[in-house]
């Protein structure tokens, strides 16, 4: 079976959770860092599959789903949807960590992110209202599948009239930084975003929009 790209299906969710985990440590396997293997997926992939399946796509080979790209065209609206339809149940399941954050383990850090989601810089959302997350298992890497998944998602965004898309990459994931920089994304710098040693923000204009260009 060749690798095929298709729209996400509800039955893909467990495999997407697994991909999120085994690529969750700056592109490496995060299984050893977490007691609860679903925490990364709860934040970065599963809500898109459940709440916005029309903008989620997977790469499937003979062994199953081995990569995905998820995202939304309107970040602000999606954040409101998460607060209404996604975070409440998880917050009931996972109590907000207490004590010194410097002493938290990786599970506690993820749980804290569920209770206190990080906010994308407002200027980034104005200029690039859409956002994406993408991950591939090692067996699909280096075959152009990431580019194909990205192109599929961006083509849908352009047809929908989206003016720009952003993403945040882990500063330690050097392969990802090279990938995004070579696929039409521009690294966003201060004053548009605050300087950070953890997250590198990227943006790409998808259609003519002077306001977007003026912001970066």
N, C-alpha and C. Protein backbone atom coordinates (compact mmCIF):
# COMPACT_ATOMS: atom_id res chain seq x y z
N UNK A 1 0.84 -1.21 0.00
CA UNK A 1 0.00 0.00 0.00
C UNK A 1 0.87 1.24 0.00
N UNK A 2 0.61 2.11 -0.93
CA UNK A 2 1.30 3.39 -0.96
C UNK A 2 0.75 4.29 0.13
N UNK A 3 1.52 5.29 0.46
CA UNK A 3 1.03 6.26 1.44
C UNK A 3 -0.03 7.14 0.79
N UNK A 4 -1.18 7.24 1.43
CA UNK A 4 -2.27 8.06 0.92
C UNK A 4 -2.58 9.18 1.90
N UNK A 5 -3.02 10.28 1.36
CA UNK A 5 -3.47 11.41 2.16
C UNK A 5 -4.99 11.46 2.09
N UNK A 6 -5.61 11.66 3.24
CA UNK A 6 -7.07 11.69 3.28
C UNK A 6 -7.54 12.53 4.46
N UNK A 7 -8.82 12.83 4.44
CA UNK A 7 -9.43 13.54 5.56
C UNK A 7 -9.42 12.64 6.80
N UNK A 8 -9.30 13.24 7.96
CA UNK A 8 -9.29 12.48 9.19
C UNK A 8 -10.65 11.81 9.41
N UNK A 9 -10.62 10.66 10.08
CA UNK A 9 -11.83 9.95 10.47
C UNK A 9 -11.80 9.74 11.98
N UNK A 10 -12.97 9.55 12.56
CA UNK A 10 -13.05 9.40 14.02
C UNK A 10 -12.19 8.23 14.50
N UNK A 11 -12.11 7.17 13.69
CA UNK A 11 -11.34 6.01 14.08
C UNK A 11 -9.84 6.21 14.08
N UNK A 12 -9.38 7.36 13.59
CA UNK A 12 -7.94 7.66 13.57
C UNK A 12 -7.43 8.21 14.89
N UNK A 13 -8.33 8.52 15.81
CA UNK A 13 -7.94 9.32 16.96
C UNK A 13 -6.86 8.66 17.81
N UNK A 14 -6.98 7.36 18.08
CA UNK A 14 -5.99 6.70 18.92
C UNK A 14 -4.60 6.73 18.28
N UNK A 15 -4.54 6.54 16.97
CA UNK A 15 -3.24 6.60 16.30
C UNK A 15 -2.68 8.02 16.32
N UNK A 16 -3.54 9.00 16.24
CA UNK A 16 -3.08 10.39 16.30
C UNK A 16 -2.55 10.71 17.70
N UNK A 17 -3.22 10.22 18.73
CA UNK A 17 -2.69 10.37 20.09
C UNK A 17 -1.29 9.77 20.17
N UNK A 18 -1.10 8.60 19.59
CA UNK A 18 0.20 7.92 19.66
C UNK A 18 1.27 8.70 18.92
N UNK A 19 0.94 9.22 17.75
CA UNK A 19 1.91 10.03 17.00
C UNK A 19 2.29 11.27 17.80
N UNK A 20 1.31 11.90 18.44
CA UNK A 20 1.60 13.08 19.25
C UNK A 20 2.60 12.75 20.35
N UNK A 21 2.46 11.58 20.95
CA UNK A 21 3.35 11.18 22.03
C UNK A 21 4.75 10.87 21.52
N UNK A 22 4.85 10.08 20.48
CA UNK A 22 6.18 9.61 20.06
C UNK A 22 6.95 10.65 19.25
N UNK A 23 6.32 11.80 18.99
CA UNK A 23 7.04 12.93 18.39
C UNK A 23 7.04 14.14 19.34
N UNK A 24 6.62 13.94 20.59
CA UNK A 24 6.32 15.06 21.47
C UNK A 24 7.48 15.67 22.22
N UNK A 25 8.67 15.13 22.08
CA UNK A 25 9.85 15.69 22.73
C UNK A 25 10.74 16.32 21.67
N UNK A 26 10.34 17.50 21.20
CA UNK A 26 11.08 18.19 20.13
C UNK A 26 11.29 17.29 18.92
N UNK A 27 10.24 16.54 18.57
CA UNK A 27 10.31 15.64 17.43
C UNK A 27 10.72 14.23 17.79
N UNK A 28 11.15 14.03 19.02
CA UNK A 28 11.57 12.69 19.47
C UNK A 28 10.48 12.06 20.34
N UNK A 29 10.69 10.80 20.67
CA UNK A 29 9.71 10.04 21.45
C UNK A 29 9.66 10.56 22.89
N UNK A 30 8.46 10.97 23.30
CA UNK A 30 8.28 11.51 24.66
C UNK A 30 7.67 10.48 25.61
N UNK A 31 7.59 9.22 25.19
CA UNK A 31 6.92 8.20 26.01
C UNK A 31 7.52 8.08 27.40
N UNK A 32 8.84 8.17 27.49
CA UNK A 32 9.51 8.00 28.78
C UNK A 32 9.30 9.18 29.72
N UNK A 33 8.80 10.30 29.19
CA UNK A 33 8.63 11.50 29.99
C UNK A 33 7.27 11.58 30.65
N UNK A 34 6.33 10.75 30.20
CA UNK A 34 4.94 10.90 30.65
C UNK A 34 4.38 9.60 31.21
N UNK A 35 3.69 9.72 32.33
CA UNK A 35 2.91 8.60 32.85
C UNK A 35 1.60 8.47 32.07
N UNK A 36 1.02 9.59 31.70
CA UNK A 36 -0.21 9.63 30.91
C UNK A 36 0.15 9.98 29.48
N UNK A 37 0.07 8.99 28.61
CA UNK A 37 0.52 9.18 27.24
C UNK A 37 -0.40 10.01 26.36
N UNK A 38 -1.56 10.39 26.89
CA UNK A 38 -2.49 11.15 26.06
C UNK A 38 -2.42 12.66 26.28
N UNK A 39 -1.64 13.09 27.23
CA UNK A 39 -1.66 14.51 27.57
C UNK A 39 -1.24 15.40 26.41
N UNK A 40 -0.21 15.01 25.68
CA UNK A 40 0.23 15.84 24.56
C UNK A 40 -0.87 15.94 23.52
N UNK A 41 -1.48 14.80 23.20
CA UNK A 41 -2.56 14.80 22.22
C UNK A 41 -3.77 15.59 22.67
N UNK A 42 -4.06 15.57 23.97
CA UNK A 42 -5.18 16.36 24.49
C UNK A 42 -5.03 17.83 24.13
N UNK A 43 -3.79 18.29 24.02
CA UNK A 43 -3.53 19.71 23.78
C UNK A 43 -3.35 20.03 22.30
N UNK A 44 -2.57 19.20 21.60
CA UNK A 44 -2.08 19.60 20.29
C UNK A 44 -2.71 18.90 19.09
N UNK A 45 -3.50 17.85 19.31
CA UNK A 45 -4.06 17.17 18.13
C UNK A 45 -5.51 16.75 18.29
N UNK A 46 -5.84 16.08 19.39
CA UNK A 46 -7.19 15.53 19.54
C UNK A 46 -8.31 16.56 19.42
N UNK A 47 -8.17 17.76 20.00
CA UNK A 47 -9.29 18.70 19.88
C UNK A 47 -9.61 19.09 18.44
N UNK A 48 -8.60 19.08 17.59
CA UNK A 48 -8.84 19.40 16.18
C UNK A 48 -9.61 18.27 15.50
N UNK A 49 -9.24 17.04 15.82
CA UNK A 49 -9.93 15.89 15.24
C UNK A 49 -11.40 15.89 15.66
N UNK A 50 -11.65 16.22 16.91
CA UNK A 50 -13.01 16.19 17.44
C UNK A 50 -13.82 17.42 17.03
N UNK A 51 -13.21 18.60 17.06
CA UNK A 51 -13.97 19.84 16.89
C UNK A 51 -13.86 20.44 15.50
N UNK A 52 -12.82 20.10 14.75
CA UNK A 52 -12.66 20.67 13.40
C UNK A 52 -12.13 19.61 12.43
N UNK A 53 -12.84 18.49 12.28
CA UNK A 53 -12.34 17.42 11.40
C UNK A 53 -12.23 17.84 9.95
N UNK A 54 -12.97 18.87 9.56
CA UNK A 54 -12.91 19.32 8.17
C UNK A 54 -11.58 19.98 7.83
N UNK A 55 -10.78 20.31 8.84
CA UNK A 55 -9.46 20.90 8.59
C UNK A 55 -8.36 20.03 9.22
N UNK A 56 -8.56 18.72 9.17
CA UNK A 56 -7.58 17.76 9.68
C UNK A 56 -7.40 16.65 8.66
N UNK A 57 -6.13 16.32 8.39
CA UNK A 57 -5.82 15.33 7.36
C UNK A 57 -4.71 14.41 7.87
N UNK A 58 -4.71 13.18 7.35
CA UNK A 58 -3.72 12.20 7.78
C UNK A 58 -3.01 11.59 6.57
N UNK A 59 -1.83 11.05 6.86
CA UNK A 59 -1.07 10.24 5.90
C UNK A 59 -1.12 8.81 6.40
N UNK A 60 -1.58 7.90 5.56
CA UNK A 60 -1.77 6.51 5.95
C UNK A 60 -0.98 5.59 5.03
N UNK A 61 -0.20 4.67 5.63
CA UNK A 61 0.51 3.67 4.85
C UNK A 61 0.01 2.29 5.24
N UNK A 62 0.73 1.24 4.85
CA UNK A 62 0.27 -0.12 5.09
C UNK A 62 0.16 -0.45 6.58
N UNK A 63 0.88 0.28 7.42
CA UNK A 63 0.86 0.02 8.86
C UNK A 63 -0.17 0.88 9.60
N UNK A 64 -0.79 1.80 8.90
CA UNK A 64 -1.80 2.65 9.53
C UNK A 64 -1.47 4.13 9.38
N UNK A 65 -2.14 4.94 10.15
CA UNK A 65 -1.90 6.39 10.12
C UNK A 65 -0.52 6.68 10.69
N UNK A 66 0.28 7.39 9.94
CA UNK A 66 1.66 7.65 10.34
C UNK A 66 2.01 9.13 10.34
N UNK A 67 1.04 9.98 10.08
CA UNK A 67 1.28 11.41 10.10
C UNK A 67 -0.03 12.17 10.02
N UNK A 68 0.01 13.41 10.47
CA UNK A 68 -1.21 14.22 10.41
C UNK A 68 -0.84 15.69 10.32
N UNK A 69 -1.78 16.45 9.80
CA UNK A 69 -1.75 17.91 9.89
C UNK A 69 -3.13 18.34 10.35
N UNK A 70 -3.16 19.12 11.41
CA UNK A 70 -4.42 19.63 11.95
C UNK A 70 -4.29 21.13 12.13
N UNK A 71 -5.41 21.79 12.15
CA UNK A 71 -5.38 23.24 12.35
C UNK A 71 -6.77 23.81 12.18
N UNK A 72 -6.85 25.11 12.23
CA UNK A 72 -8.12 25.81 12.03
C UNK A 72 -7.85 27.09 11.28
N UNK A 73 -8.88 27.57 10.61
CA UNK A 73 -8.76 28.80 9.83
C UNK A 73 -8.92 30.05 10.69
N UNK A 74 -9.56 29.92 11.85
CA UNK A 74 -9.84 31.07 12.71
C UNK A 74 -9.39 30.72 14.14
N UNK A 75 -8.20 31.14 14.50
CA UNK A 75 -7.63 30.79 15.80
C UNK A 75 -8.47 31.34 16.95
N UNK A 76 -8.91 32.57 16.84
CA UNK A 76 -9.67 33.20 17.92
C UNK A 76 -10.97 32.44 18.19
N UNK A 77 -11.69 32.09 17.14
CA UNK A 77 -12.93 31.35 17.30
C UNK A 77 -12.67 29.97 17.89
N UNK A 78 -11.58 29.34 17.49
CA UNK A 78 -11.28 28.01 17.99
C UNK A 78 -10.91 28.05 19.47
N UNK A 79 -10.17 29.06 19.88
CA UNK A 79 -9.84 29.18 21.30
C UNK A 79 -11.10 29.30 22.15
N UNK A 80 -12.08 30.03 21.64
CA UNK A 80 -13.36 30.14 22.35
C UNK A 80 -14.08 28.80 22.38
N UNK A 81 -13.99 28.06 21.29
CA UNK A 81 -14.62 26.74 21.24
C UNK A 81 -13.96 25.77 22.21
N UNK A 82 -12.65 25.84 22.33
CA UNK A 82 -11.95 25.01 23.29
C UNK A 82 -12.42 25.29 24.71
N UNK A 83 -12.58 26.54 25.04
CA UNK A 83 -13.03 26.91 26.38
C UNK A 83 -14.45 26.40 26.65
N UNK A 84 -15.23 26.33 25.62
CA UNK A 84 -16.62 25.91 25.77
C UNK A 84 -16.77 24.39 25.71
N UNK A 85 -16.07 23.75 24.78
CA UNK A 85 -16.37 22.35 24.45
C UNK A 85 -15.26 21.35 24.71
N UNK A 86 -14.06 21.81 25.06
CA UNK A 86 -12.95 20.85 25.18
C UNK A 86 -12.27 20.88 26.54
N UNK A 87 -11.84 22.04 26.98
CA UNK A 87 -11.08 22.11 28.23
C UNK A 87 -11.89 21.73 29.47
N UNK A 88 -13.17 22.07 29.58
CA UNK A 88 -13.87 21.80 30.85
C UNK A 88 -13.81 20.34 31.30
N UNK A 89 -14.06 19.40 30.41
CA UNK A 89 -14.03 17.99 30.80
C UNK A 89 -12.64 17.56 31.23
N UNK A 90 -11.62 18.04 30.52
CA UNK A 90 -10.25 17.69 30.87
C UNK A 90 -9.85 18.30 32.21
N UNK A 91 -10.31 19.51 32.47
CA UNK A 91 -9.99 20.15 33.75
C UNK A 91 -10.65 19.42 34.91
N UNK A 92 -11.79 18.80 34.66
CA UNK A 92 -12.43 17.99 35.70
C UNK A 92 -11.66 16.69 35.94
N UNK A 93 -11.04 16.19 34.88
CA UNK A 93 -10.30 14.92 34.98
C UNK A 93 -8.94 15.12 35.62
N UNK A 94 -8.29 16.22 35.28
CA UNK A 94 -6.92 16.48 35.74
C UNK A 94 -6.91 17.71 36.64
N UNK A 95 -6.73 17.56 37.93
CA UNK A 95 -6.67 18.73 38.83
C UNK A 95 -5.48 19.63 38.47
N UNK A 96 -5.70 20.92 38.63
CA UNK A 96 -4.65 21.91 38.35
C UNK A 96 -3.47 21.68 39.29
N UNK A 97 -2.26 21.51 38.76
CA UNK A 97 -1.10 21.26 39.63
C UNK A 97 -0.85 22.40 40.60
N UNK A 98 -0.40 22.05 41.77
CA UNK A 98 -0.10 23.02 42.80
C UNK A 98 1.41 23.00 43.10
N UNK A 99 1.84 23.96 43.90
CA UNK A 99 3.24 23.98 44.30
C UNK A 99 4.13 24.71 43.33
N UNK A 100 5.43 24.53 43.47
CA UNK A 100 6.44 25.24 42.69
C UNK A 100 6.52 24.66 41.28
N UNK A 101 6.18 25.45 40.25
CA UNK A 101 6.26 24.93 38.88
C UNK A 101 7.64 24.40 38.50
N UNK A 102 8.67 24.91 39.13
CA UNK A 102 10.02 24.44 38.82
C UNK A 102 10.21 22.98 39.21
N UNK A 103 9.34 22.48 40.08
CA UNK A 103 9.45 21.09 40.54
C UNK A 103 8.47 20.16 39.83
N UNK A 104 7.67 20.69 38.93
CA UNK A 104 6.68 19.87 38.24
C UNK A 104 7.36 18.90 37.28
N UNK A 105 6.75 17.70 37.14
CA UNK A 105 7.21 16.77 36.12
C UNK A 105 6.50 17.12 34.80
N UNK A 106 6.79 16.36 33.75
CA UNK A 106 6.25 16.70 32.44
C UNK A 106 4.73 16.56 32.39
N UNK A 107 4.18 15.59 33.11
CA UNK A 107 2.73 15.47 33.15
C UNK A 107 2.11 16.71 33.78
N UNK A 108 2.67 17.16 34.87
CA UNK A 108 2.12 18.34 35.55
C UNK A 108 2.20 19.58 34.66
N UNK A 109 3.28 19.71 33.92
CA UNK A 109 3.42 20.86 33.02
C UNK A 109 2.33 20.85 31.95
N UNK A 110 2.04 19.66 31.40
CA UNK A 110 1.00 19.57 30.38
C UNK A 110 -0.38 19.85 30.99
N UNK A 111 -0.61 19.32 32.18
CA UNK A 111 -1.90 19.55 32.83
C UNK A 111 -2.09 21.04 33.13
N UNK A 112 -1.03 21.70 33.55
CA UNK A 112 -1.11 23.14 33.78
C UNK A 112 -1.49 23.87 32.49
N UNK A 113 -1.00 23.38 31.35
CA UNK A 113 -1.33 24.00 30.07
C UNK A 113 -2.80 23.80 29.71
N UNK A 114 -3.39 22.71 30.19
CA UNK A 114 -4.82 22.49 29.98
C UNK A 114 -5.64 23.51 30.79
N UNK A 115 -5.20 23.77 32.01
CA UNK A 115 -5.91 24.72 32.87
C UNK A 115 -5.61 26.17 32.49
N UNK A 116 -4.43 26.41 31.95
CA UNK A 116 -4.01 27.78 31.63
C UNK A 116 -3.38 27.77 30.24
N UNK A 117 -4.18 27.64 29.20
CA UNK A 117 -3.63 27.55 27.84
C UNK A 117 -2.80 28.77 27.49
N UNK A 118 -1.70 28.51 26.81
CA UNK A 118 -0.86 29.62 26.36
C UNK A 118 -1.58 30.40 25.28
N UNK A 119 -1.33 31.68 25.23
CA UNK A 119 -1.98 32.56 24.27
C UNK A 119 -1.01 32.93 23.15
N UNK A 120 -1.47 32.77 21.93
CA UNK A 120 -0.68 33.21 20.79
C UNK A 120 -0.62 34.73 20.81
N UNK A 121 0.54 35.33 20.54
CA UNK A 121 0.61 36.79 20.51
C UNK A 121 -0.48 37.39 19.63
N UNK A 122 -1.17 38.39 20.15
CA UNK A 122 -2.33 38.95 19.46
C UNK A 122 -1.99 39.44 18.06
N UNK A 123 -0.82 40.06 17.92
CA UNK A 123 -0.45 40.59 16.60
C UNK A 123 -0.26 39.47 15.59
N UNK A 124 0.16 38.31 16.04
CA UNK A 124 0.33 37.16 15.15
C UNK A 124 -1.02 36.69 14.64
N UNK A 125 -2.00 36.62 15.54
CA UNK A 125 -3.33 36.17 15.14
C UNK A 125 -3.98 37.14 14.17
N UNK A 126 -3.77 38.43 14.38
CA UNK A 126 -4.33 39.43 13.46
C UNK A 126 -3.75 39.26 12.06
N UNK A 127 -2.45 39.10 11.97
CA UNK A 127 -1.79 39.00 10.67
C UNK A 127 -1.94 37.62 10.04
N UNK A 128 -1.97 36.58 10.87
CA UNK A 128 -2.01 35.20 10.39
C UNK A 128 -3.07 34.44 11.19
N UNK A 129 -4.35 34.60 10.84
CA UNK A 129 -5.43 34.10 11.71
C UNK A 129 -5.54 32.59 11.82
N UNK A 130 -5.05 31.85 10.86
CA UNK A 130 -5.09 30.39 10.92
C UNK A 130 -3.86 29.84 11.61
N UNK A 131 -3.93 28.60 12.07
CA UNK A 131 -2.73 27.95 12.61
C UNK A 131 -2.81 26.45 12.38
N UNK A 132 -1.64 25.80 12.43
CA UNK A 132 -1.56 24.37 12.19
C UNK A 132 -0.59 23.70 13.16
N UNK A 133 -0.76 22.37 13.29
CA UNK A 133 0.20 21.48 13.94
C UNK A 133 0.38 20.29 12.99
N UNK A 134 1.61 19.81 12.87
CA UNK A 134 1.87 18.68 11.98
C UNK A 134 2.95 17.79 12.57
N UNK A 135 2.73 16.48 12.48
CA UNK A 135 3.73 15.52 12.95
C UNK A 135 3.72 14.28 12.08
N UNK A 136 4.91 13.71 11.88
CA UNK A 136 5.07 12.47 11.12
C UNK A 136 5.90 11.48 11.92
N UNK A 137 5.51 10.22 11.86
CA UNK A 137 6.36 9.18 12.43
C UNK A 137 7.64 9.06 11.62
N UNK A 138 8.73 8.56 12.23
CA UNK A 138 10.00 8.45 11.51
C UNK A 138 9.91 7.69 10.19
N UNK A 139 9.03 6.71 10.11
CA UNK A 139 8.98 5.89 8.89
C UNK A 139 8.47 6.68 7.67
N UNK A 140 7.84 7.83 7.91
CA UNK A 140 7.38 8.66 6.79
C UNK A 140 8.27 9.86 6.54
N UNK A 141 9.19 10.11 7.45
CA UNK A 141 10.03 11.31 7.31
C UNK A 141 11.04 11.14 6.17
N UNK A 142 11.37 12.25 5.55
CA UNK A 142 12.35 12.22 4.47
C UNK A 142 11.83 11.74 3.14
N UNK A 143 10.50 11.61 3.02
CA UNK A 143 9.90 11.12 1.77
C UNK A 143 9.03 12.17 1.09
N UNK A 144 9.06 13.37 1.60
CA UNK A 144 8.22 14.42 1.04
C UNK A 144 6.79 14.42 1.52
N UNK A 145 6.48 13.54 2.48
CA UNK A 145 5.10 13.46 2.96
C UNK A 145 4.69 14.69 3.76
N UNK A 146 5.64 15.25 4.51
CA UNK A 146 5.33 16.46 5.26
C UNK A 146 4.93 17.59 4.32
N UNK A 147 5.66 17.73 3.23
CA UNK A 147 5.35 18.78 2.26
C UNK A 147 3.98 18.53 1.62
N UNK A 148 3.68 17.27 1.32
CA UNK A 148 2.39 16.95 0.70
C UNK A 148 1.23 17.24 1.65
N UNK A 149 1.39 16.86 2.92
CA UNK A 149 0.35 17.16 3.90
C UNK A 149 0.16 18.67 4.05
N UNK A 150 1.28 19.38 4.15
CA UNK A 150 1.21 20.83 4.30
C UNK A 150 0.53 21.46 3.09
N UNK A 151 0.92 21.05 1.89
CA UNK A 151 0.33 21.62 0.68
C UNK A 151 -1.18 21.36 0.62
N UNK A 152 -1.59 20.17 1.07
CA UNK A 152 -3.02 19.87 1.09
C UNK A 152 -3.76 20.83 2.01
N UNK A 153 -3.21 21.03 3.21
CA UNK A 153 -3.88 21.90 4.17
C UNK A 153 -3.91 23.35 3.67
N UNK A 154 -2.79 23.81 3.15
CA UNK A 154 -2.73 25.19 2.68
C UNK A 154 -3.66 25.42 1.49
N UNK A 155 -3.81 24.41 0.63
CA UNK A 155 -4.72 24.56 -0.51
C UNK A 155 -6.15 24.74 -0.04
N UNK A 156 -6.54 24.00 1.02
CA UNK A 156 -7.88 24.16 1.58
C UNK A 156 -8.03 25.56 2.20
N UNK A 157 -7.00 26.02 2.87
CA UNK A 157 -7.05 27.34 3.49
C UNK A 157 -7.19 28.44 2.44
N UNK A 158 -6.43 28.32 1.37
CA UNK A 158 -6.52 29.34 0.32
C UNK A 158 -7.91 29.37 -0.29
N UNK A 159 -8.49 28.20 -0.55
CA UNK A 159 -9.83 28.14 -1.12
C UNK A 159 -10.86 28.77 -0.18
N UNK A 160 -10.59 28.69 1.12
CA UNK A 160 -11.50 29.28 2.10
C UNK A 160 -11.26 30.78 2.30
N UNK A 161 -10.26 31.32 1.60
CA UNK A 161 -10.00 32.76 1.70
C UNK A 161 -9.17 33.17 2.89
N UNK A 162 -8.46 32.21 3.50
CA UNK A 162 -7.63 32.53 4.66
C UNK A 162 -6.46 33.40 4.22
N UNK A 163 -6.19 34.47 4.96
CA UNK A 163 -5.14 35.40 4.53
C UNK A 163 -3.76 35.01 5.01
N UNK A 164 -3.67 34.23 6.08
CA UNK A 164 -2.35 33.86 6.59
C UNK A 164 -2.45 32.80 7.66
N UNK A 165 -1.36 32.04 7.83
CA UNK A 165 -1.32 30.95 8.80
C UNK A 165 -0.05 31.05 9.62
N UNK A 166 -0.16 30.72 10.91
CA UNK A 166 1.02 30.74 11.78
C UNK A 166 1.18 29.40 12.47
N UNK A 167 2.33 29.20 13.05
CA UNK A 167 2.60 28.03 13.87
C UNK A 167 3.72 28.36 14.84
N UNK A 168 3.75 27.62 15.93
CA UNK A 168 4.84 27.73 16.89
C UNK A 168 5.63 26.44 16.90
N UNK A 169 6.93 26.53 16.73
CA UNK A 169 7.80 25.36 16.73
C UNK A 169 8.72 25.40 17.96
N UNK A 170 9.00 24.22 18.51
CA UNK A 170 9.93 24.14 19.63
C UNK A 170 11.31 24.57 19.18
N UNK A 171 11.91 25.48 19.91
CA UNK A 171 13.22 26.01 19.53
C UNK A 171 14.29 24.93 19.48
N UNK A 172 14.08 23.82 20.18
CA UNK A 172 15.05 22.74 20.16
C UNK A 172 14.87 21.74 19.05
N UNK A 173 13.79 21.88 18.29
CA UNK A 173 13.52 20.95 17.19
C UNK A 173 14.11 21.52 15.90
N UNK A 174 15.38 21.31 15.71
CA UNK A 174 16.08 21.96 14.60
C UNK A 174 15.61 21.45 13.24
N UNK A 175 15.21 20.19 13.15
CA UNK A 175 14.69 19.67 11.89
C UNK A 175 13.40 20.40 11.51
N UNK A 176 12.55 20.62 12.50
CA UNK A 176 11.30 21.34 12.22
C UNK A 176 11.57 22.78 11.82
N UNK A 177 12.51 23.43 12.48
CA UNK A 177 12.82 24.82 12.13
C UNK A 177 13.30 24.91 10.69
N UNK A 178 14.13 23.96 10.28
CA UNK A 178 14.61 23.97 8.89
C UNK A 178 13.45 23.70 7.93
N UNK A 179 12.58 22.77 8.29
CA UNK A 179 11.46 22.42 7.42
C UNK A 179 10.57 23.63 7.19
N UNK A 180 10.11 24.25 8.26
CA UNK A 180 9.18 25.37 8.09
C UNK A 180 9.83 26.52 7.34
N UNK A 181 11.10 26.77 7.64
CA UNK A 181 11.79 27.86 6.96
C UNK A 181 11.97 27.62 5.47
N UNK A 182 11.92 26.35 5.05
CA UNK A 182 12.11 26.02 3.64
C UNK A 182 10.78 25.83 2.91
N UNK A 183 9.67 26.01 3.60
CA UNK A 183 8.35 25.79 3.00
C UNK A 183 7.51 27.06 2.97
N UNK A 184 8.16 28.18 2.82
CA UNK A 184 7.43 29.42 2.64
C UNK A 184 7.04 30.15 3.90
N UNK A 185 7.48 29.65 5.06
CA UNK A 185 7.17 30.31 6.32
C UNK A 185 8.32 31.23 6.72
N UNK A 186 7.96 32.39 7.23
CA UNK A 186 8.93 33.38 7.69
C UNK A 186 8.99 33.35 9.21
N UNK A 187 10.19 33.33 9.73
CA UNK A 187 10.36 33.38 11.18
C UNK A 187 9.96 34.76 11.67
N UNK A 188 9.06 34.81 12.65
CA UNK A 188 8.55 36.08 13.16
C UNK A 188 9.42 36.55 14.31
N UNK A 189 9.75 37.82 14.29
CA UNK A 189 10.69 38.38 15.25
C UNK A 189 10.03 39.51 16.05
N UNK A 190 10.66 39.91 17.17
CA UNK A 190 10.18 41.10 17.89
C UNK A 190 10.18 42.30 16.94
N UNK A 191 9.24 43.23 17.09
CA UNK A 191 8.25 43.35 18.17
C UNK A 191 6.96 42.57 17.93
N UNK A 192 6.83 41.88 16.79
CA UNK A 192 5.60 41.14 16.55
C UNK A 192 5.41 40.06 17.60
N UNK A 193 6.48 39.39 17.97
CA UNK A 193 6.44 38.38 19.03
C UNK A 193 7.52 38.70 20.04
N UNK A 194 7.31 38.27 21.27
CA UNK A 194 8.32 38.46 22.30
C UNK A 194 9.45 37.46 22.09
N UNK A 195 10.66 37.86 22.43
CA UNK A 195 11.79 36.95 22.34
C UNK A 195 11.56 35.77 23.28
N UNK A 196 11.84 34.57 22.80
CA UNK A 196 11.61 33.37 23.59
C UNK A 196 12.70 32.35 23.30
N UNK A 197 13.12 31.64 24.35
CA UNK A 197 14.09 30.57 24.14
C UNK A 197 13.41 29.21 24.00
N UNK A 198 12.06 29.21 23.98
CA UNK A 198 11.32 27.95 23.90
C UNK A 198 10.54 27.79 22.59
N UNK A 199 9.95 28.88 22.11
CA UNK A 199 9.08 28.80 20.94
C UNK A 199 9.56 29.73 19.85
N UNK A 200 9.60 29.19 18.63
CA UNK A 200 9.90 29.99 17.45
C UNK A 200 8.60 30.10 16.65
N UNK A 201 8.16 31.33 16.42
CA UNK A 201 6.92 31.56 15.68
C UNK A 201 7.21 31.77 14.21
N UNK A 202 6.36 31.17 13.38
CA UNK A 202 6.46 31.32 11.92
C UNK A 202 5.13 31.78 11.37
N UNK A 203 5.16 32.51 10.25
CA UNK A 203 3.94 32.92 9.58
C UNK A 203 4.10 32.87 8.08
N UNK A 204 3.00 32.66 7.39
CA UNK A 204 3.00 32.67 5.93
C UNK A 204 1.72 33.36 5.44
N UNK A 205 1.87 34.34 4.58
CA UNK A 205 0.73 35.00 3.94
C UNK A 205 0.22 34.11 2.82
N UNK A 206 -1.08 33.87 2.79
CA UNK A 206 -1.66 32.97 1.79
C UNK A 206 -2.34 33.70 0.65
N UNK A 207 -2.69 34.95 0.86
CA UNK A 207 -3.26 35.75 -0.22
C UNK A 207 -2.92 37.21 0.04
N UNK A 208 -3.04 38.04 -0.99
CA UNK A 208 -2.66 39.43 -0.86
C UNK A 208 -3.37 40.11 0.28
N UNK A 209 -2.59 40.61 1.23
CA UNK A 209 -3.19 41.28 2.39
C UNK A 209 -2.18 42.28 2.94
N UNK A 210 -2.28 43.54 2.54
CA UNK A 210 -1.31 44.54 3.01
C UNK A 210 -1.23 44.62 4.52
N UNK A 211 -2.36 44.41 5.21
CA UNK A 211 -2.33 44.50 6.67
C UNK A 211 -1.44 43.42 7.26
N UNK A 212 -1.51 42.21 6.70
CA UNK A 212 -0.67 41.13 7.19
C UNK A 212 0.80 41.44 6.96
N UNK A 213 1.12 41.92 5.75
CA UNK A 213 2.51 42.21 5.44
C UNK A 213 3.04 43.31 6.36
N UNK A 214 2.22 44.28 6.67
CA UNK A 214 2.66 45.41 7.47
C UNK A 214 3.00 45.00 8.90
N UNK A 215 2.48 43.85 9.33
CA UNK A 215 2.72 43.43 10.69
C UNK A 215 3.98 42.61 10.89
N UNK A 216 4.70 42.31 9.82
CA UNK A 216 5.93 41.54 10.02
C UNK A 216 6.91 41.86 8.96
